[in-house]
Amino acid sequence: MDPLTRLLIRLAQWFRHPPSPTRIKIILATIAICLALVAIEKFVGWPDWMTAERVPIRR
């Protein structure tokens, strides 16, 4: 199924049977945390200790 079609079907289900206020708060809090992390990474930068280093493959 096309991803856009799947999204529209899911949105239609949400409009017919809206989620509880608690679930809406959880979703909005998750989105806010993600946006805060993106903003911190954008303006402050990525710390060196969180950068993964490549491990050489031994053969």
PDB file of N, CA and C in Angstrom:
ATOM      1  N   MET A   1       0.843  -1.171   0.000  1.00  0.00           N
ATOM      2  CA  MET A   1       0.000   0.000   0.000  1.00  0.00           C
ATOM      3  C   MET A   1       0.891   1.237   0.000  1.00  0.00           C
ATOM      4  N   ASP A   2       0.454   2.238  -0.688  1.00  0.00           N
ATOM      5  CA  ASP A   2       1.182   3.496  -0.788  1.00  0.00           C
ATOM      6  C   ASP A   2       1.285   4.146   0.602  1.00  0.00           C
ATOM      7  N   PRO A   3       2.445   4.688   0.981  1.00  0.00           N
ATOM      8  CA  PRO A   3       2.582   5.301   2.311  1.00  0.00           C
ATOM      9  C   PRO A   3       1.614   6.462   2.540  1.00  0.00           C
ATOM     10  N   LEU A   4       1.353   7.242   1.499  1.00  0.00           N
ATOM     11  CA  LEU A   4       0.420   8.362   1.660  1.00  0.00           C
ATOM     12  C   LEU A   4      -0.993   7.854   1.913  1.00  0.00           C
ATOM     13  N   THR A   5      -1.382   6.808   1.217  1.00  0.00           N
ATOM     14  CA  THR A   5      -2.702   6.216   1.424  1.00  0.00           C
ATOM     15  C   THR A   5      -2.825   5.667   2.837  1.00  0.00           C
ATOM     16  N   ARG A   6      -1.774   5.006   3.303  1.00  0.00           N
ATOM     17  CA  ARG A   6      -1.771   4.460   4.663  1.00  0.00           C
ATOM     18  C   ARG A   6      -1.906   5.586   5.687  1.00  0.00           C
ATOM     19  N   LEU A   7      -1.213   6.697   5.455  1.00  0.00           N
ATOM     20  CA  LEU A   7      -1.298   7.831   6.370  1.00  0.00           C
ATOM     21  C   LEU A   7      -2.703   8.416   6.388  1.00  0.00           C
ATOM     22  N   LEU A   8      -3.304   8.561   5.212  1.00  0.00           N
ATOM     23  CA  LEU A   8      -4.654   9.119   5.147  1.00  0.00           C
ATOM     24  C   LEU A   8      -5.678   8.204   5.822  1.00  0.00           C
ATOM     25  N   ILE A   9      -5.514   6.902   5.673  1.00  0.00           N
ATOM     26  CA  ILE A   9      -6.422   5.963   6.346  1.00  0.00           C
ATOM     27  C   ILE A   9      -6.267   6.073   7.858  1.00  0.00           C
ATOM     28  N   ARG A  10      -5.024   6.176   8.306  1.00  0.00           N
ATOM     29  CA  ARG A  10      -4.792   6.298   9.756  1.00  0.00           C
ATOM     30  C   ARG A  10      -5.366   7.605  10.299  1.00  0.00           C
ATOM     31  N   LEU A  11      -5.208   8.700   9.550  1.00  0.00           N
ATOM     32  CA  LEU A  11      -5.780   9.974   9.987  1.00  0.00           C
ATOM     33  C   LEU A  11      -7.302   9.909  10.027  1.00  0.00           C
ATOM     34  N   ALA A  12      -7.911   9.227   9.057  1.00  0.00           N
ATOM     35  CA  ALA A  12      -9.366   9.068   9.061  1.00  0.00           C
ATOM     36  C   ALA A  12      -9.820   8.284  10.289  1.00  0.00           C
ATOM     37  N   GLN A  13      -9.057   7.263  10.673  1.00  0.00           N
ATOM     38  CA  GLN A  13      -9.397   6.503  11.880  1.00  0.00           C
ATOM     39  C   GLN A  13      -9.271   7.374  13.125  1.00  0.00           C
ATOM     40  N   TRP A  14      -8.265   8.244  13.151  1.00  0.00           N
ATOM     41  CA  TRP A  14      -8.100   9.139  14.296  1.00  0.00           C
ATOM     42  C   TRP A  14      -9.269  10.105  14.399  1.00  0.00           C
ATOM     43  N   PHE A  15      -9.780  10.592  13.249  1.00  0.00           N
ATOM     44  CA  PHE A  15     -10.907  11.521  13.288  1.00  0.00           C
ATOM     45  C   PHE A  15     -12.192  10.819  13.705  1.00  0.00           C
ATOM     46  N   ARG A  16     -12.354   9.566  13.321  1.00  0.00           N
ATOM     47  CA  ARG A  16     -13.553   8.816  13.712  1.00  0.00           C
ATOM     48  C   ARG A  16     -13.505   8.401  15.177  1.00  0.00           C
ATOM     49  N   HIS A  17     -12.338   7.982  15.634  1.00  0.00           N
ATOM     50  CA  HIS A  17     -12.150   7.540  17.020  1.00  0.00           C
ATOM     51  C   HIS A  17     -10.932   8.268  17.580  1.00  0.00           C
ATOM     52  N   PRO A  18     -11.114   9.497  18.067  1.00  0.00           N
ATOM     53  CA  PRO A  18      -9.955  10.271  18.536  1.00  0.00           C
ATOM     54  C   PRO A  18      -9.294   9.627  19.755  1.00  0.00           C
ATOM     55  N   PRO A  19      -7.973   9.803  19.874  1.00  0.00           N
ATOM     56  CA  PRO A  19      -7.257   9.233  21.020  1.00  0.00           C
ATOM     57  C   PRO A  19      -7.605   9.981  22.306  1.00  0.00           C
ATOM     58  N   SER A  20      -7.287   9.357  23.415  1.00  0.00           N
ATOM     59  CA  SER A  20      -7.566   9.969  24.715  1.00  0.00           C
ATOM     60  C   SER A  20      -6.646  11.175  24.932  1.00  0.00           C
ATOM     61  N   PRO A  21      -7.058  12.099  25.806  1.00  0.00           N
ATOM     62  CA  PRO A  21      -6.197  13.263  26.091  1.00  0.00           C
ATOM     63  C   PRO A  21      -4.813  12.874  26.615  1.00  0.00           C
ATOM     64  N   THR A  22      -4.736  11.780  27.362  1.00  0.00           N
ATOM     65  CA  THR A  22      -3.435  11.325  27.870  1.00  0.00           C
ATOM     66  C   THR A  22      -2.523  10.918  26.728  1.00  0.00           C
ATOM     67  N   ARG A  23      -3.064  10.192  25.756  1.00  0.00           N
ATOM     68  CA  ARG A  23      -2.258   9.768  24.614  1.00  0.00           C
ATOM     69  C   ARG A  23      -1.805  10.982  23.799  1.00  0.00           C
ATOM     70  N   ILE A  24      -2.666  11.970  23.648  1.00  0.00           N
ATOM     71  CA  ILE A  24      -2.289  13.184  22.916  1.00  0.00           C
ATOM     72  C   ILE A  24      -1.139  13.893  23.627  1.00  0.00           C
ATOM     73  N   LYS A  25      -1.205  13.967  24.962  1.00  0.00           N
ATOM     74  CA  LYS A  25      -0.126  14.602  25.727  1.00  0.00           C
ATOM     75  C   LYS A  25       1.187  13.848  25.559  1.00  0.00           C
ATOM     76  N   ILE A  26       1.127  12.517  25.550  1.00  0.00           N
ATOM     77  CA  ILE A  26       2.341  11.708  25.374  1.00  0.00           C
ATOM     78  C   ILE A  26       2.942  11.947  23.994  1.00  0.00           C
ATOM     79  N   ILE A  27       2.104  11.998  22.972  1.00  0.00           N
ATOM     80  CA  ILE A  27       2.583  12.226  21.605  1.00  0.00           C
ATOM     81  C   ILE A  27       3.214  13.607  21.481  1.00  0.00           C
ATOM     82  N   LEU A  28       2.543  14.626  22.023  1.00  0.00           N
ATOM     83  CA  LEU A  28       3.090  15.988  21.951  1.00  0.00           C
ATOM     84  C   LEU A  28       4.384  16.119  22.751  1.00  0.00           C
ATOM     85  N   ALA A  29       4.471  15.452  23.898  1.00  0.00           N
ATOM     86  CA  ALA A  29       5.706  15.492  24.691  1.00  0.00           C
ATOM     87  C   ALA A  29       6.852  14.819  23.942  1.00  0.00           C
ATOM     88  N   THR A  30       6.564  13.713  23.272  1.00  0.00           N
ATOM     89  CA  THR A  30       7.594  13.018  22.493  1.00  0.00           C
ATOM     90  C   THR A  30       8.095  13.892  21.352  1.00  0.00           C
ATOM     91  N   ILE A  31       7.178  14.541  20.655  1.00  0.00           N
ATOM     92  CA  ILE A  31       7.567  15.433  19.557  1.00  0.00           C
ATOM     93  C   ILE A  31       8.381  16.606  20.089  1.00  0.00           C
ATOM     94  N   ALA A  32       7.984  17.164  21.239  1.00  0.00           N
ATOM     95  CA  ALA A  32       8.717  18.289  21.822  1.00  0.00           C
ATOM     96  C   ALA A  32      10.133  17.882  22.224  1.00  0.00           C
ATOM     97  N   ILE A  33      10.295  16.691  22.797  1.00  0.00           N
ATOM     98  CA  ILE A  33      11.626  16.209  23.179  1.00  0.00           C
ATOM     99  C   ILE A  33      12.502  16.026  21.945  1.00  0.00           C
ATOM    100  N   CYS A  34      11.933  15.457  20.892  1.00  0.00           N
ATOM    101  CA  CYS A  34      12.698  15.262  19.653  1.00  0.00           C
ATOM    102  C   CYS A  34      13.127  16.599  19.058  1.00  0.00           C
ATOM    103  N   LEU A  35      12.215  17.565  19.031  1.00  0.00           N
ATOM    104  CA  LEU A  35      12.565  18.883  18.492  1.00  0.00           C
ATOM    105  C   LEU A  35      13.622  19.574  19.351  1.00  0.00           C
ATOM    106  N   ALA A  36      13.552  19.390  20.666  1.00  0.00           N
ATOM    107  CA  ALA A  36      14.564  19.975  21.547  1.00  0.00           C
ATOM    108  C   ALA A  36      15.934  19.356  21.281  1.00  0.00           C
ATOM    109  N   LEU A  37      15.983  18.038  21.093  1.00  0.00           N
ATOM    110  CA  LEU A  37      17.261  17.385  20.791  1.00  0.00           C
ATOM    111  C   LEU A  37      17.825  17.854  19.455  1.00  0.00           C
ATOM    112  N   VAL A  38      16.970  18.014  18.464  1.00  0.00           N
ATOM    113  CA  VAL A  38      17.428  18.502  17.159  1.00  0.00           C
ATOM    114  C   VAL A  38      17.952  19.927  17.290  1.00  0.00           C
ATOM    115  N   ALA A  39      17.261  20.767  18.056  1.00  0.00           N
ATOM    116  CA  ALA A  39      17.702  22.153  18.233  1.00  0.00           C
ATOM    117  C   ALA A  39      19.040  22.212  18.966  1.00  0.00           C
ATOM    118  N   ILE A  40      19.202  21.393  19.994  1.00  0.00           N
ATOM    119  CA  ILE A  40      20.475  21.370  20.726  1.00  0.00           C
ATOM    120  C   ILE A  40      21.601  20.918  19.811  1.00  0.00           C
ATOM    121  N   GLU A  41      21.348  19.872  19.021  1.00  0.00           N
ATOM    122  CA  GLU A  41      22.379  19.391  18.098  1.00  0.00           C
ATOM    123  C   GLU A  41      22.711  20.445  17.047  1.00  0.00           C
ATOM    124  N   LYS A  42      21.706  21.167  16.589  1.00  0.00           N
ATOM    125  CA  LYS A  42      21.910  22.167  15.531  1.00  0.00           C
ATOM    126  C   LYS A  42      22.724  23.357  16.045  1.00  0.00           C
ATOM    127  N   PHE A  43      22.396  23.849  17.245  1.00  0.00           N
ATOM    128  CA  PHE A  43      23.025  25.075  17.732  1.00  0.00           C
ATOM    129  C   PHE A  43      24.263  24.831  18.586  1.00  0.00           C
ATOM    130  N   VAL A  44      24.326  23.728  19.304  1.00  0.00           N
ATOM    131  CA  VAL A  44      25.464  23.455  20.181  1.00  0.00           C
ATOM    132  C   VAL A  44      26.467  22.545  19.496  1.00  0.00           C
ATOM    133  N   GLY A  45      25.967  21.544  18.793  1.00  0.00           N
ATOM    134  CA  GLY A  45      26.849  20.606  18.108  1.00  0.00           C
ATOM    135  C   GLY A  45      26.754  19.218  18.708  1.00  0.00           C
ATOM    136  N   TRP A  46      27.393  18.289  18.045  1.00  0.00           N
ATOM    137  CA  TRP A  46      27.387  16.892  18.463  1.00  0.00           C
ATOM    138  C   TRP A  46      28.623  16.645  19.312  1.00  0.00           C
ATOM    139  N   PRO A  47      28.485  16.145  20.548  1.00  0.00           N
ATOM    140  CA  PRO A  47      29.660  15.924  21.394  1.00  0.00           C
ATOM    141  C   PRO A  47      30.540  14.795  20.856  1.00  0.00           C
ATOM    142  N   ASP A  48      31.831  14.935  21.076  1.00  0.00           N
ATOM    143  CA  ASP A  48      32.782  13.937  20.581  1.00  0.00           C
ATOM    144  C   ASP A  48      32.579  12.568  21.223  1.00  0.00           C
ATOM    145  N   TRP A  49      32.165  12.534  22.479  1.00  0.00           N
ATOM    146  CA  TRP A  49      32.013  11.248  23.154  1.00  0.00           C
ATOM    147  C   TRP A  49      30.826  10.452  22.615  1.00  0.00           C
ATOM    148  N   MET A  50      29.940  11.090  21.856  1.00  0.00           N
ATOM    149  CA  MET A  50      28.799  10.371  21.277  1.00  0.00           C
ATOM    150  C   MET A  50      29.053   9.938  19.835  1.00  0.00           C
ATOM    151  N   THR A  51      30.206  10.263  19.295  1.00  0.00           N
ATOM    152  CA  THR A  51      30.526   9.900  17.923  1.00  0.00           C
ATOM    153  C   THR A  51      31.086   8.482  17.890  1.00  0.00           C
ATOM    154  N   ALA A  52      30.490   7.656  17.063  1.00  0.00           N
ATOM    155  CA  ALA A  52      30.955   6.269  16.927  1.00  0.00           C
ATOM    156  C   ALA A  52      32.194   6.237  16.043  1.00  0.00           C
ATOM    157  N   GLU A  53      33.162   5.434  16.452  1.00  0.00           N
ATOM    158  CA  GLU A  53      34.375   5.286  15.661  1.00  0.00           C
ATOM    159  C   GLU A  53      34.352   3.933  14.972  1.00  0.00           C
ATOM    160  N   ARG A  54      34.902   3.892  13.783  1.00  0.00           N
ATOM    161  CA  ARG A  54      34.945   2.635  13.045  1.00  0.00           C
ATOM    162  C   ARG A  54      35.987   1.707  13.661  1.00  0.00           C
ATOM    163  N   VAL A  55      35.606   0.462  13.797  1.00  0.00           N
ATOM    164  CA  VAL A  55      36.516  -0.559  14.307  1.00  0.00           C
ATOM    165  C   VAL A  55      37.038  -1.326  13.102  1.00  0.00           C
ATOM    166  N   PRO A  56      38.362  -1.436  12.965  1.00  0.00           N
ATOM    167  CA  PRO A  56      38.887  -2.162  11.808  1.00  0.00           C
ATOM    168  C   PRO A  56      38.512  -3.643  11.867  1.00  0.00           C
ATOM    169  N   ILE A  57      38.197  -4.192  10.719  1.00  0.00           N
ATOM    170  CA  ILE A  57      37.840  -5.604  10.618  1.00  0.00           C
ATOM    171  C   ILE A  57      39.122  -6.415  10.468  1.00  0.00           C
ATOM    172  N   ARG A  58      39.319  -7.376  11.370  1.00  0.00           N
ATOM    173  CA  ARG A  58      40.517  -8.217  11.304  1.00  0.00           C
ATOM    174  C   ARG A  58      40.191  -9.465  10.512  1.00  0.00           C
ATOM    175  N   ARG A  59      41.039  -9.758   9.562  1.00  0.00           N
ATOM    176  CA  ARG A  59      40.826 -10.948   8.731  1.00  0.00           C
ATOM    177  C   ARG A  59      41.978 -11.894   8.852  1.00  0.00           C
TER     178      ARG A  59
END
